[in-house]
All heavy atoms as atom14 arrays in JSON, in Angstrom:
{
  "sequence": "VFALCSINAIGQEGWTNLPTAYSSGLRAVYAIDSLNVWASGLDGLI",
  "atom14_mask": [
    [1, 1, 1, 1, 1, 1, 1, 0, 0, 0, 0, 0, 0, 0],
    [1, 1, 1, 1, 1, 1, 1, 1, 1, 1, 1, 0, 0, 0],
    [1, 1, 1, 1, 1, 0, 0, 0, 0, 0, 0, 0, 0, 0],
    [1, 1, 1, 1, 1, 1, 1, 1, 0, 0, 0, 0, 0, 0],
    [1, 1, 1, 1, 1, 1, 0, 0, 0, 0, 0, 0, 0, 0],
    [1, 1, 1, 1, 1, 1, 0, 0, 0, 0, 0, 0, 0, 0],
    [1, 1, 1, 1, 1, 1, 1, 1, 0, 0, 0, 0, 0, 0],
    [1, 1, 1, 1, 1, 1, 1, 1, 0, 0, 0, 0, 0, 0],
    [1, 1, 1, 1, 1, 0, 0, 0, 0, 0, 0, 0, 0, 0],
    [1, 1, 1, 1, 1, 1, 1, 1, 0, 0, 0, 0, 0, 0],
    [1, 1, 1, 1, 0, 0, 0, 0, 0, 0, 0, 0, 0, 0],
    [1, 1, 1, 1, 1, 1, 1, 1, 1, 0, 0, 0, 0, 0],
    [1, 1, 1, 1, 1, 1, 1, 1, 1, 0, 0, 0, 0, 0],
    [1, 1, 1, 1, 0, 0, 0, 0, 0, 0, 0, 0, 0, 0],
    [1, 1, 1, 1, 1, 1, 1, 1, 1, 1, 1, 1, 1, 1],
    [1, 1, 1, 1, 1, 1, 1, 0, 0, 0, 0, 0, 0, 0],
    [1, 1, 1, 1, 1, 1, 1, 1, 0, 0, 0, 0, 0, 0],
    [1, 1, 1, 1, 1, 1, 1, 1, 0, 0, 0, 0, 0, 0],
    [1, 1, 1, 1, 1, 1, 1, 0, 0, 0, 0, 0, 0, 0],
    [1, 1, 1, 1, 1, 1, 1, 0, 0, 0, 0, 0, 0, 0],
    [1, 1, 1, 1, 1, 0, 0, 0, 0, 0, 0, 0, 0, 0],
    [1, 1, 1, 1, 1, 1, 1, 1, 1, 1, 1, 1, 0, 0],
    [1, 1, 1, 1, 1, 1, 0, 0, 0, 0, 0, 0, 0, 0],
    [1, 1, 1, 1, 1, 1, 0, 0, 0, 0, 0, 0, 0, 0],
    [1, 1, 1, 1, 0, 0, 0, 0, 0, 0, 0, 0, 0, 0],
    [1, 1, 1, 1, 1, 1, 1, 1, 0, 0, 0, 0, 0, 0],
    [1, 1, 1, 1, 1, 1, 1, 1, 1, 1, 1, 0, 0, 0],
    [1, 1, 1, 1, 1, 0, 0, 0, 0, 0, 0, 0, 0, 0],
    [1, 1, 1, 1, 1, 1, 1, 0, 0, 0, 0, 0, 0, 0],
    [1, 1, 1, 1, 1, 1, 1, 1, 1, 1, 1, 1, 0, 0],
    [1, 1, 1, 1, 1, 0, 0, 0, 0, 0, 0, 0, 0, 0],
    [1, 1, 1, 1, 1, 1, 1, 1, 0, 0, 0, 0, 0, 0],
    [1, 1, 1, 1, 1, 1, 1, 1, 0, 0, 0, 0, 0, 0],
    [1, 1, 1, 1, 1, 1, 0, 0, 0, 0, 0, 0, 0, 0],
    [1, 1, 1, 1, 1, 1, 1, 1, 0, 0, 0, 0, 0, 0],
    [1, 1, 1, 1, 1, 1, 1, 1, 0, 0, 0, 0, 0, 0],
    [1, 1, 1, 1, 1, 1, 1, 0, 0, 0, 0, 0, 0, 0],
    [1, 1, 1, 1, 1, 1, 1, 1, 1, 1, 1, 1, 1, 1],
    [1, 1, 1, 1, 1, 0, 0, 0, 0, 0, 0, 0, 0, 0],
    [1, 1, 1, 1, 1, 1, 0, 0, 0, 0, 0, 0, 0, 0],
    [1, 1, 1, 1, 0, 0, 0, 0, 0, 0, 0, 0, 0, 0],
    [1, 1, 1, 1, 1, 1, 1, 1, 0, 0, 0, 0, 0, 0],
    [1, 1, 1, 1, 1, 1, 1, 1, 0, 0, 0, 0, 0, 0],
    [1, 1, 1, 1, 0, 0, 0, 0, 0, 0, 0, 0, 0, 0],
    [1, 1, 1, 1, 1, 1, 1, 1, 0, 0, 0, 0, 0, 0],
    [1, 1, 1, 1, 1, 1, 1, 1, 0, 0, 0, 0, 0, 0]
  ],
  "atom14_positions": [
    [[0.86, -1.18, 0.0], [0.0, 0.0, 0.0], [0.9, 1.22, 0.0], [1.73, 1.4, 0.88], [-0.92, 0.01, 1.24], [-1.75, 1.28, 1.27], [-1.8, -1.23, 1.24], [0.0, 0.0, 0.0], [0.0, 0.0, 0.0], [0.0, 0.0, 0.0], [0.0, 0.0, 0.0], [0.0, 0.0, 0.0], [0.0, 0.0, 0.0], [0.0, 0.0, 0.0]],
    [[0.75, 2.06, -1.01], [1.55, 3.27, -1.14], [0.77, 4.47, -0.64], [-0.37, 4.68, -1.0], [1.96, 3.51, -2.6], [2.94, 2.51, -3.11], [2.53, 1.41, -3.83], [4.29, 2.66, -2.84], [3.43, 0.49, -4.31], [5.21, 1.73, -3.3], [4.78, 0.65, -4.04], [0.0, 0.0, 0.0], [0.0, 0.0, 0.0], [0.0, 0.0, 0.0]],
    [[1.38, 5.3, 0.19], [0.75, 6.52, 0.67], [0.83, 7.62, -0.38], [-0.07, 8.44, -0.5], [1.4, 6.99, 1.96], [0.0, 0.0, 0.0], [0.0, 0.0, 0.0], [0.0, 0.0, 0.0], [0.0, 0.0, 0.0], [0.0, 0.0, 0.0], [0.0, 0.0, 0.0], [0.0, 0.0, 0.0], [0.0, 0.0, 0.0], [0.0, 0.0, 0.0]],
    [[1.9, 7.65, -1.14], [2.08, 8.64, -2.19], [2.28, 7.93, -3.52], [2.98, 6.94, -3.59], [3.3, 9.52, -1.9], [3.27, 10.3, -0.6], [4.61, 10.98, -0.38], [2.16, 11.33, -0.64], [0.0, 0.0, 0.0], [0.0, 0.0, 0.0], [0.0, 0.0, 0.0], [0.0, 0.0, 0.0], [0.0, 0.0, 0.0], [0.0, 0.0, 0.0]],
    [[1.68, 8.46, -4.56], [1.83, 7.87, -5.88], [2.21, 8.96, -6.86], [1.84, 10.12, -6.7], [0.51, 7.25, -6.35], [-0.01, 5.86, -5.34], [0.0, 0.0, 0.0], [0.0, 0.0, 0.0], [0.0, 0.0, 0.0], [0.0, 0.0, 0.0], [0.0, 0.0, 0.0], [0.0, 0.0, 0.0], [0.0, 0.0, 0.0], [0.0, 0.0, 0.0]],
    [[2.97, 8.62, -7.86], [3.29, 9.57, -8.92], [3.09, 8.9, -10.26], [3.25, 7.69, -10.39], [4.72, 10.07, -8.79], [5.62, 9.01, -9.02], [0.0, 0.0, 0.0], [0.0, 0.0, 0.0], [0.0, 0.0, 0.0], [0.0, 0.0, 0.0], [0.0, 0.0, 0.0], [0.0, 0.0, 0.0], [0.0, 0.0, 0.0], [0.0, 0.0, 0.0]],
    [[2.72, 9.69, -11.25], [2.5, 9.17, -12.58], [3.3, 10.02, -13.55], [3.21, 11.23, -13.55], [1.01, 9.21, -12.96], [0.2, 8.33, -12.01], [0.8, 8.8, -14.4], [-1.29, 8.42, -12.22], [0.0, 0.0, 0.0], [0.0, 0.0, 0.0], [0.0, 0.0, 0.0], [0.0, 0.0, 0.0], [0.0, 0.0, 0.0], [0.0, 0.0, 0.0]],
    [[4.1, 9.38, -14.37], [4.84, 10.06, -15.42], [4.25, 9.63, -16.75], [4.12, 8.45, -17.02], [6.32, 9.67, -15.39], [6.98, 10.11, -14.11], [6.67, 11.19, -13.62], [7.86, 9.3, -13.58], [0.0, 0.0, 0.0], [0.0, 0.0, 0.0], [0.0, 0.0, 0.0], [0.0, 0.0, 0.0], [0.0, 0.0, 0.0], [0.0, 0.0, 0.0]],
    [[3.88, 10.58, -17.58], [3.29, 10.27, -18.87], [4.03, 11.02, -19.96], [4.37, 12.18, -19.82], [1.81, 10.65, -18.88], [0.0, 0.0, 0.0], [0.0, 0.0, 0.0], [0.0, 0.0, 0.0], [0.0, 0.0, 0.0], [0.0, 0.0, 0.0], [0.0, 0.0, 0.0], [0.0, 0.0, 0.0], [0.0, 0.0, 0.0], [0.0, 0.0, 0.0]],
    [[4.28, 10.34, -21.06], [4.94, 10.93, -22.21], [4.06, 10.66, -23.41], [3.75, 9.5, -23.72], [6.34, 10.34, -22.43], [7.21, 10.6, -21.2], [6.97, 10.9, -23.68], [8.55, 9.88, -21.24], [0.0, 0.0, 0.0], [0.0, 0.0, 0.0], [0.0, 0.0, 0.0], [0.0, 0.0, 0.0], [0.0, 0.0, 0.0], [0.0, 0.0, 0.0]],
    [[3.61, 11.7, -24.1], [2.75, 11.53, -25.26], [3.52, 11.03, -26.47], [4.65, 11.43, -26.7], [0.0, 0.0, 0.0], [0.0, 0.0, 0.0], [0.0, 0.0, 0.0], [0.0, 0.0, 0.0], [0.0, 0.0, 0.0], [0.0, 0.0, 0.0], [0.0, 0.0, 0.0], [0.0, 0.0, 0.0], [0.0, 0.0, 0.0], [0.0, 0.0, 0.0]],
    [[2.92, 10.13, -27.22], [3.54, 9.58, -28.41], [2.47, 9.33, -29.46], [1.32, 9.13, -29.14], [4.25, 8.26, -28.1], [5.35, 8.38, -27.11], [5.93, 7.02, -26.74], [5.4, 5.99, -27.12], [7.01, 7.02, -26.02], [0.0, 0.0, 0.0], [0.0, 0.0, 0.0], [0.0, 0.0, 0.0], [0.0, 0.0, 0.0], [0.0, 0.0, 0.0]],
    [[2.88, 9.29, -30.72], [1.98, 8.91, -31.79], [1.85, 7.39, -31.83], [2.69, 6.68, -31.3], [2.51, 9.41, -33.12], [2.52, 10.92, -33.24], [3.04, 11.36, -34.59], [3.05, 10.55, -35.53], [3.42, 12.53, -34.68], [0.0, 0.0, 0.0], [0.0, 0.0, 0.0], [0.0, 0.0, 0.0], [0.0, 0.0, 0.0], [0.0, 0.0, 0.0]],
    [[0.81, 6.88, -32.47], [0.68, 5.46, -32.69], [-0.12, 4.7, -31.64], [-0.14, 3.48, -31.66], [0.0, 0.0, 0.0], [0.0, 0.0, 0.0], [0.0, 0.0, 0.0], [0.0, 0.0, 0.0], [0.0, 0.0, 0.0], [0.0, 0.0, 0.0], [0.0, 0.0, 0.0], [0.0, 0.0, 0.0], [0.0, 0.0, 0.0], [0.0, 0.0, 0.0]],
    [[-0.79, 5.39, -30.73], [-1.58, 4.71, -29.71], [-2.82, 4.1, -30.36], [-3.41, 4.67, -31.26], [-2.0, 5.68, -28.61], [-0.87, 6.08, -27.73], [-0.02, 7.11, -27.92], [-0.45, 5.44, -26.54], [0.9, 7.16, -26.92], [0.66, 6.16, -26.05], [-0.9, 4.34, -25.82], [1.32, 5.79, -24.88], [-0.23, 4.0, -24.65], [0.86, 4.72, -24.21]],
    [[-3.25, 2.94, -29.89], [-4.46, 2.3, -30.38], [-5.38, 2.01, -29.2], [-4.93, 1.89, -28.06], [-4.16, 0.98, -31.11], [-3.49, 0.1, -30.2], [-3.29, 1.2, -32.32], [0.0, 0.0, 0.0], [0.0, 0.0, 0.0], [0.0, 0.0, 0.0], [0.0, 0.0, 0.0], [0.0, 0.0, 0.0], [0.0, 0.0, 0.0], [0.0, 0.0, 0.0]],
    [[-6.68, 1.91, -29.48], [-7.65, 1.61, -28.43], [-7.6, 0.14, -28.04], [-7.45, -0.73, -28.9], [-9.06, 1.95, -28.89], [-9.27, 3.43, -29.04], [-8.68, 4.21, -28.3], [-10.09, 3.82, -29.99], [0.0, 0.0, 0.0], [0.0, 0.0, 0.0], [0.0, 0.0, 0.0], [0.0, 0.0, 0.0], [0.0, 0.0, 0.0], [0.0, 0.0, 0.0]],
    [[-7.73, -0.12, -26.75], [-7.81, -1.49, -26.25], [-9.25, -1.97, -26.3], [-10.17, -1.17, -26.28], [-7.36, -1.55, -24.79], [-5.88, -1.48, -24.52], [-5.63, -1.35, -23.03], [-5.17, -2.69, -25.04], [0.0, 0.0, 0.0], [0.0, 0.0, 0.0], [0.0, 0.0, 0.0], [0.0, 0.0, 0.0], [0.0, 0.0, 0.0], [0.0, 0.0, 0.0]],
    [[-9.45, -3.29, -26.31], [-10.82, -3.79, -26.17], [-11.43, -3.26, -24.87], [-10.73, -3.1, -23.87], [-10.64, -5.31, -26.11], [-9.31, -5.56, -26.75], [-8.48, -4.35, -26.48], [0.0, 0.0, 0.0], [0.0, 0.0, 0.0], [0.0, 0.0, 0.0], [0.0, 0.0, 0.0], [0.0, 0.0, 0.0], [0.0, 0.0, 0.0], [0.0, 0.0, 0.0]],
    [[-12.72, -2.98, -24.88], [-13.4, -2.4, -23.73], [-13.19, -3.19, -22.45], [-13.08, -2.63, -21.37], [-14.91, -2.27, -24.02], [-15.08, -1.52, -25.21], [-15.63, -1.58, -22.88], [0.0, 0.0, 0.0], [0.0, 0.0, 0.0], [0.0, 0.0, 0.0], [0.0, 0.0, 0.0], [0.0, 0.0, 0.0], [0.0, 0.0, 0.0], [0.0, 0.0, 0.0]],
    [[-13.08, -4.49, -22.55], [-12.89, -5.33, -21.36], [-11.64, -4.95, -20.59], [-11.56, -5.13, -19.38], [-12.82, -6.8, -21.76], [0.0, 0.0, 0.0], [0.0, 0.0, 0.0], [0.0, 0.0, 0.0], [0.0, 0.0, 0.0], [0.0, 0.0, 0.0], [0.0, 0.0, 0.0], [0.0, 0.0, 0.0], [0.0, 0.0, 0.0], [0.0, 0.0, 0.0]],
    [[-10.63, -4.41, -21.26], [-9.39, -4.03, -20.62], [-9.29, -2.53, -20.33], [-8.8, -2.12, -19.3], [-8.18, -4.4, -21.51], [-8.02, -5.87, -21.76], [-7.63, -6.32, -23.01], [-8.25, -6.82, -20.77], [-7.45, -7.68, -23.26], [-8.08, -8.16, -21.02], [-7.68, -8.58, -22.26], [-7.51, -9.91, -22.49], [0.0, 0.0, 0.0], [0.0, 0.0, 0.0]],
    [[-9.73, -1.71, -21.23], [-9.41, -0.28, -21.18], [-10.01, 0.45, -19.99], [-9.43, 1.41, -19.51], [-9.82, 0.4, -22.48], [-11.22, 0.3, -22.66], [0.0, 0.0, 0.0], [0.0, 0.0, 0.0], [0.0, 0.0, 0.0], [0.0, 0.0, 0.0], [0.0, 0.0, 0.0], [0.0, 0.0, 0.0], [0.0, 0.0, 0.0], [0.0, 0.0, 0.0]],
    [[-11.16, 0.03, -19.49], [-11.79, 0.77, -18.4], [-11.09, 0.58, -17.07], [-11.28, 1.36, -16.16], [-13.26, 0.39, -18.28], [-13.36, -0.99, -17.93], [0.0, 0.0, 0.0], [0.0, 0.0, 0.0], [0.0, 0.0, 0.0], [0.0, 0.0, 0.0], [0.0, 0.0, 0.0], [0.0, 0.0, 0.0], [0.0, 0.0, 0.0], [0.0, 0.0, 0.0]],
    [[-10.25, -0.43, -16.94], [-9.63, -0.7, -15.65], [-8.12, -0.55, -15.61], [-7.49, -0.92, -14.63], [0.0, 0.0, 0.0], [0.0, 0.0, 0.0], [0.0, 0.0, 0.0], [0.0, 0.0, 0.0], [0.0, 0.0, 0.0], [0.0, 0.0, 0.0], [0.0, 0.0, 0.0], [0.0, 0.0, 0.0], [0.0, 0.0, 0.0], [0.0, 0.0, 0.0]],
    [[-7.5, -0.01, -16.64], [-6.05, 0.11, -16.65], [-5.55, 1.18, -15.69], [-6.16, 2.23, -15.55], [-5.54, 0.44, -18.05], [-5.62, -0.67, -19.07], [-5.02, -0.2, -20.39], [-4.91, -1.92, -18.6], [0.0, 0.0, 0.0], [0.0, 0.0, 0.0], [0.0, 0.0, 0.0], [0.0, 0.0, 0.0], [0.0, 0.0, 0.0], [0.0, 0.0, 0.0]],
    [[-4.44, 0.89, -15.03], [-3.82, 1.86, -14.12], [-2.36, 2.11, -14.46], [-1.8, 3.1, -14.07], [-3.93, 1.36, -12.67], [-5.34, 1.29, -12.15], [-5.93, 2.7, -12.1], [-7.29, 2.69, -11.63], [-8.37, 2.89, -12.38], [-8.23, 3.1, -13.68], [-9.56, 2.87, -11.88], [0.0, 0.0, 0.0], [0.0, 0.0, 0.0], [0.0, 0.0, 0.0]],
    [[-1.7, 1.19, -15.2], [-0.28, 1.36, -15.53], [0.05, 0.64, -16.82], [-0.51, -0.4, -17.12], [0.59, 0.83, -14.39], [0.0, 0.0, 0.0], [0.0, 0.0, 0.0], [0.0, 0.0, 0.0], [0.0, 0.0, 0.0], [0.0, 0.0, 0.0], [0.0, 0.0, 0.0], [0.0, 0.0, 0.0], [0.0, 0.0, 0.0], [0.0, 0.0, 0.0]],
    [[0.99, 1.21, -17.58], [1.45, 0.62, -18.83], [2.96, 0.72, -18.87], [3.53, 1.74, -18.47], [0.85, 1.34, -20.06], [1.39, 0.76, -21.36], [-0.66, 1.29, -20.03], [0.0, 0.0, 0.0], [0.0, 0.0, 0.0], [0.0, 0.0, 0.0], [0.0, 0.0, 0.0], [0.0, 0.0, 0.0], [0.0, 0.0, 0.0], [0.0, 0.0, 0.0]],
    [[3.63, -0.33, -19.37], [5.08, -0.31, -19.49], [5.46, -0.96, -20.82], [5.09, -2.11, -21.08], [5.73, -1.08, -18.34], [7.22, -0.88, -18.27], [7.75, 0.15, -17.51], [8.09, -1.7, -18.98], [9.12, 0.36, -17.44], [9.45, -1.49, -18.92], [9.96, -0.47, -18.15], [11.32, -0.27, -18.1], [0.0, 0.0, 0.0], [0.0, 0.0, 0.0]],
    [[6.2, -0.24, -21.65], [6.66, -0.78, -22.93], [8.13, -1.13, -22.82], [8.96, -0.27, -22.54], [6.43, 0.24, -24.04], [0.0, 0.0, 0.0], [0.0, 0.0, 0.0], [0.0, 0.0, 0.0], [0.0, 0.0, 0.0], [0.0, 0.0, 0.0], [0.0, 0.0, 0.0], [0.0, 0.0, 0.0], [0.0, 0.0, 0.0], [0.0, 0.0, 0.0]],
    [[8.46, -2.39, -23.05], [9.84, -2.84, -23.03], [10.54, -2.37, -24.3], [11.68, -1.94, -24.29], [9.9, -4.37, -22.9], [9.27, -4.8, -21.58], [11.32, -4.88, -23.03], [9.0, -6.27, -21.47], [0.0, 0.0, 0.0], [0.0, 0.0, 0.0], [0.0, 0.0, 0.0], [0.0, 0.0, 0.0], [0.0, 0.0, 0.0], [0.0, 0.0, 0.0]],
    [[9.82, -2.47, -25.41], [10.29, -1.98, -26.7], [9.05, -1.67, -27.53], [7.94, -1.64, -26.99], [11.21, -3.01, -27.38], [10.6, -4.39, -27.5], [9.39, -4.5, -27.81], [11.32, -5.38, -27.28], [0.0, 0.0, 0.0], [0.0, 0.0, 0.0], [0.0, 0.0, 0.0], [0.0, 0.0, 0.0], [0.0, 0.0, 0.0], [0.0, 0.0, 0.0]],
    [[9.18, -1.46, -28.83], [8.03, -1.07, -29.64], [7.0, -2.19, -29.83], [5.87, -1.92, -30.21], [8.49, -0.57, -31.01], [9.14, -1.62, -31.72], [0.0, 0.0, 0.0], [0.0, 0.0, 0.0], [0.0, 0.0, 0.0], [0.0, 0.0, 0.0], [0.0, 0.0, 0.0], [0.0, 0.0, 0.0], [0.0, 0.0, 0.0], [0.0, 0.0, 0.0]],
    [[7.36, -3.42, -29.52], [6.44, -4.54, -29.69], [5.9, -5.09, -28.37], [4.74, -5.46, -28.27], [7.1, -5.67, -30.47], [7.48, -5.35, -31.92], [8.21, -6.52, -32.55], [6.25, -4.98, -32.72], [0.0, 0.0, 0.0], [0.0, 0.0, 0.0], [0.0, 0.0, 0.0], [0.0, 0.0, 0.0], [0.0, 0.0, 0.0], [0.0, 0.0, 0.0]],
    [[6.74, -5.19, -27.35], [6.37, -5.79, -26.07], [5.86, -4.76, -25.08], [6.63, -3.92, -24.6], [7.57, -6.54, -25.47], [7.88, -7.78, -26.26], [7.14, -8.75, -26.2], [8.95, -7.75, -27.03], [0.0, 0.0, 0.0], [0.0, 0.0, 0.0], [0.0, 0.0, 0.0], [0.0, 0.0, 0.0], [0.0, 0.0, 0.0], [0.0, 0.0, 0.0]],
    [[4.56, -4.84, -24.8], [3.92, -3.87, -23.91], [3.16, -4.64, -22.84], [2.46, -5.61, -23.13], [2.94, -2.97, -24.7], [2.33, -1.92, -23.78], [3.64, -2.32, -25.89], [0.0, 0.0, 0.0], [0.0, 0.0, 0.0], [0.0, 0.0, 0.0], [0.0, 0.0, 0.0], [0.0, 0.0, 0.0], [0.0, 0.0, 0.0], [0.0, 0.0, 0.0]],
    [[3.31, -4.19, -21.6], [2.6, -4.77, -20.46], [1.71, -3.71, -19.85], [2.04, -2.53, -19.84], [3.59, -5.26, -19.41], [4.4, -6.44, -19.83], [5.54, -6.44, -20.58], [4.13, -7.8, -19.52], [6.0, -7.71, -20.75], [5.15, -8.57, -20.11], [3.13, -8.45, -18.8], [5.2, -9.95, -20.0], [3.19, -9.82, -18.69], [4.21, -10.56, -19.28]],
    [[0.58, -4.13, -19.26], [-0.31, -3.19, -18.58], [-0.94, -3.9, -17.38], [-1.09, -5.13, -17.37], [-1.39, -2.69, -19.52], [0.0, 0.0, 0.0], [0.0, 0.0, 0.0], [0.0, 0.0, 0.0], [0.0, 0.0, 0.0], [0.0, 0.0, 0.0], [0.0, 0.0, 0.0], [0.0, 0.0, 0.0], [0.0, 0.0, 0.0], [0.0, 0.0, 0.0]],
    [[-1.31, -3.12, -16.37], [-1.96, -3.67, -15.18], [-3.1, -2.75, -14.76], [-3.16, -1.6, -15.17], [-0.95, -3.84, -14.04], [-0.43, -2.58, -13.64], [0.0, 0.0, 0.0], [0.0, 0.0, 0.0], [0.0, 0.0, 0.0], [0.0, 0.0, 0.0], [0.0, 0.0, 0.0], [0.0, 0.0, 0.0], [0.0, 0.0, 0.0], [0.0, 0.0, 0.0]],
    [[-3.99, -3.29, -13.9], [-5.12, -2.48, -13.49], [-6.01, -3.13, -12.47], [-5.55, -3.88, -11.6], [0.0, 0.0, 0.0], [0.0, 0.0, 0.0], [0.0, 0.0, 0.0], [0.0, 0.0, 0.0], [0.0, 0.0, 0.0], [0.0, 0.0, 0.0], [0.0, 0.0, 0.0], [0.0, 0.0, 0.0], [0.0, 0.0, 0.0], [0.0, 0.0, 0.0]],
    [[-7.31, -2.84, -12.59], [-8.31, -3.27, -11.62], [-8.46, -4.79, -11.57], [-8.22, -5.47, -12.57], [-9.67, -2.65, -11.97], [-9.75, -1.14, -12.0], [-11.15, -0.7, -12.39], [-9.36, -0.55, -10.66], [0.0, 0.0, 0.0], [0.0, 0.0, 0.0], [0.0, 0.0, 0.0], [0.0, 0.0, 0.0], [0.0, 0.0, 0.0], [0.0, 0.0, 0.0]],
    [[-8.88, -5.27, -10.43], [-9.2, -6.68, -10.24], [-8.07, -7.63, -10.63], [-8.3, -8.72, -11.14], [-10.47, -7.06, -11.02], [-11.67, -6.24, -10.6], [-11.79, -5.94, -9.4], [-12.49, -5.9, -11.47], [0.0, 0.0, 0.0], [0.0, 0.0, 0.0], [0.0, 0.0, 0.0], [0.0, 0.0, 0.0], [0.0, 0.0, 0.0], [0.0, 0.0, 0.0]],
    [[-6.82, -7.2, -10.42], [-5.67, -8.05, -10.7], [-5.32, -8.17, -12.17], [-4.61, -9.07, -12.56], [0.0, 0.0, 0.0], [0.0, 0.0, 0.0], [0.0, 0.0, 0.0], [0.0, 0.0, 0.0], [0.0, 0.0, 0.0], [0.0, 0.0, 0.0], [0.0, 0.0, 0.0], [0.0, 0.0, 0.0], [0.0, 0.0, 0.0], [0.0, 0.0, 0.0]],
    [[-5.8, -7.24, -12.99], [-5.57, -7.31, -14.43], [-4.09, -7.12, -14.78], [-3.46, -6.15, -14.38], [-6.38, -6.2, -15.13], [-6.16, -6.07, -16.64], [-6.73, -7.29, -17.36], [-6.78, -4.8, -17.16], [0.0, 0.0, 0.0], [0.0, 0.0, 0.0], [0.0, 0.0, 0.0], [0.0, 0.0, 0.0], [0.0, 0.0, 0.0], [0.0, 0.0, 0.0]],
    [[-3.54, -8.08, -15.51], [-2.22, -7.95, -16.14], [-2.41, -8.44, -17.57], [-2.89, -9.56, -17.79], [-1.13, -8.79, -15.44], [-0.93, -8.34, -14.01], [0.18, -8.69, -16.23], [0.07, -9.2, -13.23], [0.0, 0.0, 0.0], [0.0, 0.0, 0.0], [0.0, 0.0, 0.0], [0.0, 0.0, 0.0], [0.0, 0.0, 0.0], [0.0, 0.0, 0.0]]
  ]
}
C-alpha cells in the first residue's frame, strides 16, 4: 500500500484503443520496446 503515488506520462503517436474489457480498468502501462507492452489495473488485471 503506497501513501504517495506519482505518474509520469509521455505523449507519443501510434496509440491504439484497447478492447473495452481491458481499457476501463487500466492503471499502468510499461513498454519494453516497440512490440512488447505490459499493462496492469483493476481486479488483478495484467
